[in-house]
């Protein structure tokens, strides 16, 4: 999916990209580079990045012409992809992304907002008091927006949606029949930065949040937009109150997630998943389909389809209960 919200300043010349990275490499042709994308989404006109062996299968299949990587990882790239060896792949990726998308780094408040009373939506939306609307916003039919909610720039809301009070939404695509309860923050940049000496380097977030049809987002929840890809809440998935969904997380369809669950960045949650309250999911994990995770669990590794787990670290629920019975007997 092309980026609908952040303006791409490309194409950039590969010579300029290499110069900005201060690396010494021989490149015969000053090729136009149109975008920076992840290993899977990139085309021959793009530059990509490869920073962990965990993504070696995707690296072998990438169509990008150039890749930011390390000496240890470059052998996993295809011959059609030129390795650009850098000291820190993610820092370099942040720098190049900023060149393509300079307006995606910081999330200052939206100065473009106006009262819905004087907007084009005043006669088509049922709304409460003090509702503000930004630029590049679309709202479908039969929608309701509660008091003190701010729909900042770059938001698309489908038909039959209900947006509660005291919400802030930006950089988000909301499909039909979605319910967002009160006090939610959706579409802000994620918790992404690199500590460098005495300064933290924040990296750009050029993705957005996609909430599919018939979802419900509970009160006080936060959903961060993606960095290099998008954050996705699948069709008919329900989130309880005070849930945090970090950048690049993908949650499948028909899933139910109870209150105060935290899902760290770039993890994938399958379809028909149930997660109990106050569970924590570490980053860059894959949780399969039909998985059940007990409340208060700490998930630190991938979980295959059809599993039931509990505890910290989360383990098969039968093993957890067996160990717990043994511990109780020792008291």
Protein backbone atom coordinates (compact mmCIF):
# COMPACT_ATOMS: atom_id res chain seq x y z
CA UNK A 1 0.00 0.00 0.00
CA UNK A 2 1.43 3.42 -0.94
CA UNK A 3 1.81 5.96 1.83
CA UNK A 4 -1.35 8.12 1.89
CA UNK A 5 -0.22 10.60 4.53
CA UNK A 6 3.49 11.43 4.42
CA UNK A 7 4.96 13.15 1.38
CA UNK A 8 7.82 11.26 -0.25
CA UNK A 9 10.66 13.58 -1.32
CA UNK A 10 12.09 10.97 -3.70
CA UNK A 11 13.54 10.04 -6.00
CA UNK A 12 16.97 10.53 -4.45
CA UNK A 13 20.23 9.71 -6.18
CA UNK A 14 22.08 6.73 -4.75
CA UNK A 15 25.31 8.76 -4.79
CA UNK A 16 23.68 11.31 -2.46
CA UNK A 17 22.43 8.56 -0.16
CA UNK A 18 25.88 6.97 0.07
CA UNK A 19 27.49 10.36 0.69
CA UNK A 20 25.09 11.11 3.56
CA UNK A 21 26.11 7.83 5.19
CA UNK A 22 29.82 8.66 4.88
CA UNK A 23 30.71 5.23 3.54
CA UNK A 24 33.21 4.28 0.85
CA UNK A 25 31.77 1.97 -1.79
CA UNK A 26 32.05 1.76 -5.57
CA UNK A 27 28.74 2.14 -7.43
CA UNK A 28 28.83 2.35 -11.20
CA UNK A 29 25.50 4.04 -11.91
CA UNK A 30 23.92 7.00 -10.09
CA UNK A 31 20.54 5.27 -9.92
CA UNK A 32 17.32 7.01 -8.86
CA UNK A 33 15.97 5.57 -5.59
CA UNK A 34 12.27 6.21 -5.10
CA UNK A 35 11.65 5.00 -1.57
CA UNK A 36 12.92 3.15 1.49
CA UNK A 37 10.90 0.06 2.37
CA UNK A 38 11.21 -3.14 4.34
CA UNK A 39 12.74 -6.26 2.78
CA UNK A 40 9.44 -7.70 1.61
CA UNK A 41 7.76 -4.57 0.24
CA UNK A 42 10.77 -3.10 -1.57
CA UNK A 43 11.15 -3.11 -5.35
CA UNK A 44 14.14 -2.66 -7.66
CA UNK A 45 13.68 1.12 -7.38
CA UNK A 46 13.97 1.10 -3.57
CA UNK A 47 16.54 0.86 -0.82
CA UNK A 48 15.91 -1.47 2.14
CA UNK A 49 17.60 -2.52 5.40
CA UNK A 50 18.63 -5.82 7.00
CA UNK A 51 19.74 -5.73 10.63
CA UNK A 52 19.00 -9.15 12.13
CA UNK A 53 19.44 -12.81 11.18
CA UNK A 54 15.80 -13.24 12.14
CA UNK A 55 14.90 -11.70 8.78
CA UNK A 56 17.33 -13.67 6.61
CA UNK A 57 14.57 -15.50 4.72
CA UNK A 58 13.01 -12.18 3.72
CA UNK A 59 16.47 -10.82 2.86
CA UNK A 60 17.11 -13.65 0.40
CA UNK A 61 13.91 -12.76 -1.47
CA UNK A 62 14.15 -8.97 -1.45
CA UNK A 63 13.82 -7.11 -4.75
CA UNK A 64 15.55 -3.95 -3.54
CA UNK A 65 18.59 -2.73 -5.48
CA UNK A 66 20.42 -1.57 -2.33
CA UNK A 67 20.38 -2.68 1.30
CA UNK A 68 21.73 -1.12 4.48
CA UNK A 69 23.32 -3.98 6.40
CA UNK A 70 26.47 -5.34 8.09
CA UNK A 71 29.39 -7.47 6.91
CA UNK A 72 28.05 -10.45 8.84
CA UNK A 73 24.63 -10.29 7.17
CA UNK A 74 25.43 -9.29 3.59
CA UNK A 75 25.90 -12.89 2.41
CA UNK A 76 22.15 -13.49 2.84
CA UNK A 77 21.28 -10.88 0.22
CA UNK A 78 20.64 -11.87 -3.42
CA UNK A 79 23.15 -10.90 -6.11
CA UNK A 80 20.71 -8.30 -7.43
CA UNK A 81 20.89 -6.33 -4.15
CA UNK A 82 24.00 -4.26 -3.41
CA UNK A 83 25.01 -4.27 0.26
CA UNK A 84 25.79 -0.90 1.82
CA UNK A 85 27.86 -1.76 4.90
CA UNK A 86 27.20 0.61 7.81
CA UNK A 87 28.18 0.67 11.46
CA UNK A 88 24.62 0.80 12.79
CA UNK A 89 21.90 -0.36 10.41
CA UNK A 90 18.93 1.10 12.26
CA UNK A 91 20.55 4.49 12.79
CA UNK A 92 21.43 4.63 9.09
CA UNK A 93 17.90 3.55 8.19
CA UNK A 94 16.52 6.37 10.32
CA UNK A 95 18.76 8.87 8.57
CA UNK A 96 17.75 7.79 5.06
CA UNK A 97 14.06 7.60 5.99
CA UNK A 98 14.29 11.19 7.22
CA UNK A 99 15.62 12.20 3.81
CA UNK A 100 12.61 10.66 2.06
CA UNK A 101 10.01 11.68 4.69
CA UNK A 102 11.25 14.73 6.65
CA UNK A 103 7.82 15.49 8.15
CA UNK A 104 7.40 12.07 9.81
CA UNK A 105 9.79 12.41 12.76
CA UNK A 106 7.97 14.55 15.29
CA UNK A 107 4.31 14.73 16.29
CA UNK A 108 3.62 18.30 17.24
CA UNK A 109 0.00 19.29 17.75
CA UNK A 110 -1.98 19.86 14.56
CA UNK A 111 -2.28 23.59 13.93
CA UNK A 112 -4.68 23.03 11.03
CA UNK A 113 -7.64 21.93 13.17
CA UNK A 114 -10.90 23.87 13.08
CA UNK A 115 -14.18 23.49 14.92
CA UNK A 116 -16.47 20.93 13.34
CA UNK A 117 -19.15 23.63 13.52
CA UNK A 118 -17.50 25.46 10.63
CA UNK A 119 -16.29 22.40 8.73
CA UNK A 120 -17.84 20.55 5.81
CA UNK A 121 -18.94 17.81 8.24
CA UNK A 122 -21.23 19.98 10.38
CA UNK A 123 -24.44 18.76 8.74
CA UNK A 124 -23.42 15.13 8.17
CA UNK A 125 -22.04 14.02 11.55
CA UNK A 126 -23.66 13.77 14.98
CA UNK A 127 -21.16 15.41 17.34
CA UNK A 128 -20.72 16.71 20.87
CA UNK A 129 -19.16 19.93 22.15
CA UNK A 130 -15.65 21.15 21.30
CA UNK A 131 -14.94 18.71 18.46
CA UNK A 132 -12.00 19.71 16.25
CA UNK A 133 -11.18 18.51 12.72
CA UNK A 134 -7.83 18.72 10.87
CA UNK A 135 -6.86 18.72 7.21
CA UNK A 136 -7.09 15.70 4.92
CA UNK A 137 -9.91 14.14 6.95
CA UNK A 138 -12.77 12.08 5.55
CA UNK A 139 -15.82 10.96 7.57
CA UNK A 140 -18.42 8.53 6.24
CA UNK A 141 -22.18 8.39 6.74
CA UNK A 142 -24.03 7.90 10.03
CA UNK A 143 -21.02 8.62 12.28
CA UNK A 144 -20.97 9.99 15.83
CA UNK A 145 -18.14 11.89 17.55
CA UNK A 146 -18.15 12.64 21.29
CA UNK A 147 -17.21 15.72 23.29
CA UNK A 148 -13.66 17.16 23.20
CA UNK A 149 -12.43 14.76 20.55
CA UNK A 150 -9.77 15.93 18.09
CA UNK A 151 -9.58 14.31 14.66
CA UNK A 152 -6.21 15.62 13.54
CA UNK A 153 -4.82 15.58 10.01
CA UNK A 154 -4.69 12.46 7.87
CA UNK A 155 -7.66 10.43 9.09
CA UNK A 156 -10.24 8.45 7.12
CA UNK A 157 -13.33 7.26 9.00
CA UNK A 158 -15.77 4.86 7.33
CA UNK A 159 -19.55 4.59 7.65
CA UNK A 160 -21.49 3.85 10.86
CA UNK A 161 -18.58 4.58 13.19
CA UNK A 162 -18.81 5.79 16.78
CA UNK A 163 -15.92 7.85 18.17
CA UNK A 164 -16.24 8.58 21.90
CA UNK A 165 -15.20 11.62 23.92
CA UNK A 166 -11.69 12.96 24.65
CA UNK A 167 -10.00 11.02 21.84
CA UNK A 168 -7.06 12.17 19.70
CA UNK A 169 -6.74 10.44 16.32
CA UNK A 170 -4.28 11.09 13.49
CA UNK A 171 -2.63 9.16 10.63
CA UNK A 172 -5.31 6.47 10.79
CA UNK A 173 -7.63 4.57 8.42
CA UNK A 174 -10.81 3.43 10.15
CA UNK A 175 -13.09 1.09 8.23
CA UNK A 176 -16.89 0.77 8.60
CA UNK A 177 -18.75 0.07 11.87
CA UNK A 178 -15.82 0.69 14.21
CA UNK A 179 -16.40 1.81 17.81
CA UNK A 180 -13.70 3.76 19.63
CA UNK A 181 -14.57 4.46 23.26
CA UNK A 182 -13.33 7.40 25.35
CA UNK A 183 -9.82 8.75 26.07
CA UNK A 184 -7.94 6.91 23.32
CA UNK A 185 -4.81 8.09 21.50
CA UNK A 186 -4.45 6.58 18.03
CA UNK A 187 -1.90 7.23 15.30
CA UNK A 188 0.90 8.98 17.20
CA UNK A 189 4.48 7.90 16.56
CA UNK A 190 5.75 4.92 18.51
CA UNK A 191 8.48 4.63 21.15
CA UNK A 192 11.30 4.48 18.63
CA UNK A 193 14.69 6.06 19.19
CA UNK A 194 18.39 5.24 19.47
CA UNK A 195 20.57 6.39 22.37
CA UNK A 196 23.68 7.99 20.83
CA UNK A 197 26.25 9.41 23.28
CA UNK A 198 24.29 12.01 25.25
CA UNK A 199 21.41 12.29 22.82
CA UNK A 200 18.44 10.14 21.80
CA UNK A 201 17.91 9.95 18.05
CA UNK A 202 14.22 9.54 17.27
CA UNK A 203 13.52 7.71 14.06
CA UNK A 204 10.69 8.49 11.63
CA UNK A 205 7.35 6.73 11.65
CA UNK A 206 6.04 6.72 8.09
CA UNK A 207 3.34 4.07 8.59
CA UNK A 208 -0.23 4.52 9.79
CA UNK A 209 -2.86 2.72 11.85
CA UNK A 210 -5.44 0.58 10.04
CA UNK A 211 -8.52 -0.48 12.01
CA UNK A 212 -10.62 -2.96 10.04
CA UNK A 213 -14.42 -3.37 10.06
CA UNK A 214 -16.47 -4.06 13.19
CA UNK A 215 -13.66 -3.50 15.69
CA UNK A 216 -14.02 -2.01 19.15
CA UNK A 217 -11.23 -0.09 20.89
CA UNK A 218 -11.68 0.20 24.66
CA UNK A 219 -11.33 3.34 26.74
CA UNK A 220 -7.87 4.69 27.49
CA UNK A 221 -6.15 2.60 24.81
CA UNK A 222 -3.14 3.71 22.76
CA UNK A 223 -2.35 2.46 19.27
CA UNK A 224 0.92 3.71 17.77
CA UNK A 225 1.31 4.10 14.03
CA UNK A 226 3.90 2.00 12.23
CA UNK A 227 7.49 2.99 11.59
CA UNK A 228 8.37 1.27 8.31
CA UNK A 229 5.14 -0.73 7.99
CA UNK A 230 1.61 -0.23 9.36
CA UNK A 231 -0.05 -1.07 12.66
CA UNK A 232 -3.14 -3.18 11.92
CA UNK A 233 -6.16 -4.20 14.01
CA UNK A 234 -7.95 -7.00 12.15
CA UNK A 235 -11.64 -7.30 11.38
CA UNK A 236 -14.02 -7.93 14.30
CA UNK A 237 -11.26 -7.70 16.91
CA UNK A 238 -12.15 -6.24 20.31
CA UNK A 239 -9.69 -4.45 22.58
CA UNK A 240 -10.62 -3.88 26.22
CA UNK A 241 -9.68 -0.75 28.21
CA UNK A 242 -6.13 0.58 28.72
CA UNK A 243 -4.40 -1.52 26.08
CA UNK A 244 -1.17 -0.45 24.41
CA UNK A 245 -0.49 -1.61 20.84
CA UNK A 246 3.00 -0.53 19.77
CA UNK A 247 4.29 0.37 16.32
CA UNK A 248 4.13 -2.18 13.47
CA UNK A 249 2.00 -4.65 15.45
CA UNK A 250 -0.42 -6.73 13.38
CA UNK A 251 -3.45 -8.21 15.14
CA UNK A 252 -5.56 -10.66 13.16
CA UNK A 253 -9.31 -11.09 12.87
CA UNK A 254 -11.83 -12.09 15.55
CA UNK A 255 -9.39 -11.66 18.44
CA UNK A 256 -10.27 -10.62 21.99
CA UNK A 257 -7.74 -8.80 24.18
CA UNK A 258 -8.55 -7.99 27.82
CA UNK A 259 -7.61 -4.89 29.79
CA UNK A 260 -4.08 -3.56 30.38
CA UNK A 261 -2.39 -5.84 27.87
CA UNK A 262 0.78 -4.49 26.29
CA UNK A 263 1.98 -5.65 22.87
CA UNK A 264 5.51 -4.54 22.01
CA UNK A 265 6.59 -3.39 18.57
CA UNK A 266 6.55 -5.48 15.39
CA UNK A 267 4.84 -8.52 16.91
CA UNK A 268 2.19 -10.36 14.93
CA UNK A 269 -0.94 -11.75 16.60
CA UNK A 270 -2.94 -14.33 14.62
CA UNK A 271 -6.68 -14.80 14.11
CA UNK A 272 -9.06 -15.92 16.86
CA UNK A 273 -6.56 -15.15 19.62
CA UNK A 274 -7.62 -14.55 23.23
CA UNK A 275 -5.31 -12.68 25.62
CA UNK A 276 -6.10 -12.29 29.33
CA UNK A 277 -5.72 -9.07 31.26
CA UNK A 278 -2.31 -7.58 32.09
CA UNK A 279 -0.43 -9.99 29.83
CA UNK A 280 2.67 -8.69 28.09
CA UNK A 281 3.88 -9.66 24.60
CA UNK A 282 7.53 -8.94 23.81
CA UNK A 283 8.54 -7.40 20.49
CA UNK A 284 9.16 -9.08 17.13
CA UNK A 285 7.24 -12.24 18.08
CA UNK A 286 4.74 -14.34 16.14
CA UNK A 287 1.64 -15.51 17.99
CA UNK A 288 -0.23 -18.10 15.95
CA UNK A 289 -3.93 -18.57 15.21
CA UNK A 290 -6.37 -19.78 17.88
CA UNK A 291 -3.89 -19.11 20.70
CA UNK A 292 -5.07 -18.45 24.27
CA UNK A 293 -2.79 -16.53 26.65
CA UNK A 294 -3.66 -16.45 30.35
CA UNK A 295 -3.94 -13.20 32.28
CA UNK A 296 -0.71 -11.78 33.71
CA UNK A 297 1.47 -13.89 31.42
CA UNK A 298 4.76 -12.73 29.95
CA UNK A 299 5.30 -13.95 26.38
CA UNK A 300 8.97 -13.88 25.35
CA UNK A 301 9.04 -16.30 22.41
CA UNK A 302 6.89 -17.31 19.42
CA UNK A 303 3.75 -19.34 20.13
CA UNK A 304 2.49 -21.86 17.54
CA UNK A 305 -1.12 -22.22 16.40
CA UNK A 306 -3.75 -23.67 18.75
CA UNK A 307 -1.64 -23.27 21.92
CA UNK A 308 -2.79 -22.38 25.43
CA UNK A 309 -0.12 -20.73 27.57
CA UNK A 310 0.21 -19.03 30.93
CA UNK A 311 2.85 -17.74 33.35
CA UNK A 312 6.16 -15.94 33.10
CA UNK A 313 7.80 -16.90 30.91
CA UNK A 314 4.61 -18.17 29.27
CA UNK A 315 4.52 -21.94 28.90
CA UNK A 316 1.98 -24.63 28.02
CA UNK A 317 -0.90 -24.19 30.44
CA UNK A 318 -0.85 -27.84 31.54
CA UNK A 319 2.83 -27.53 32.44
CA UNK A 320 2.15 -24.25 34.25
CA UNK A 321 -0.65 -25.76 36.34
CA UNK A 322 1.43 -28.86 37.09
CA UNK A 323 4.36 -26.73 38.29
CA UNK A 324 2.05 -24.48 40.29
CA UNK A 325 0.52 -27.46 42.12
CA UNK A 326 4.00 -28.70 43.01
CA UNK A 327 5.01 -25.24 44.31
CA UNK A 328 1.82 -24.98 46.39
CA UNK A 329 2.53 -28.34 48.05
CA UNK A 330 5.97 -27.15 49.14
CA UNK A 331 4.54 -24.24 51.14
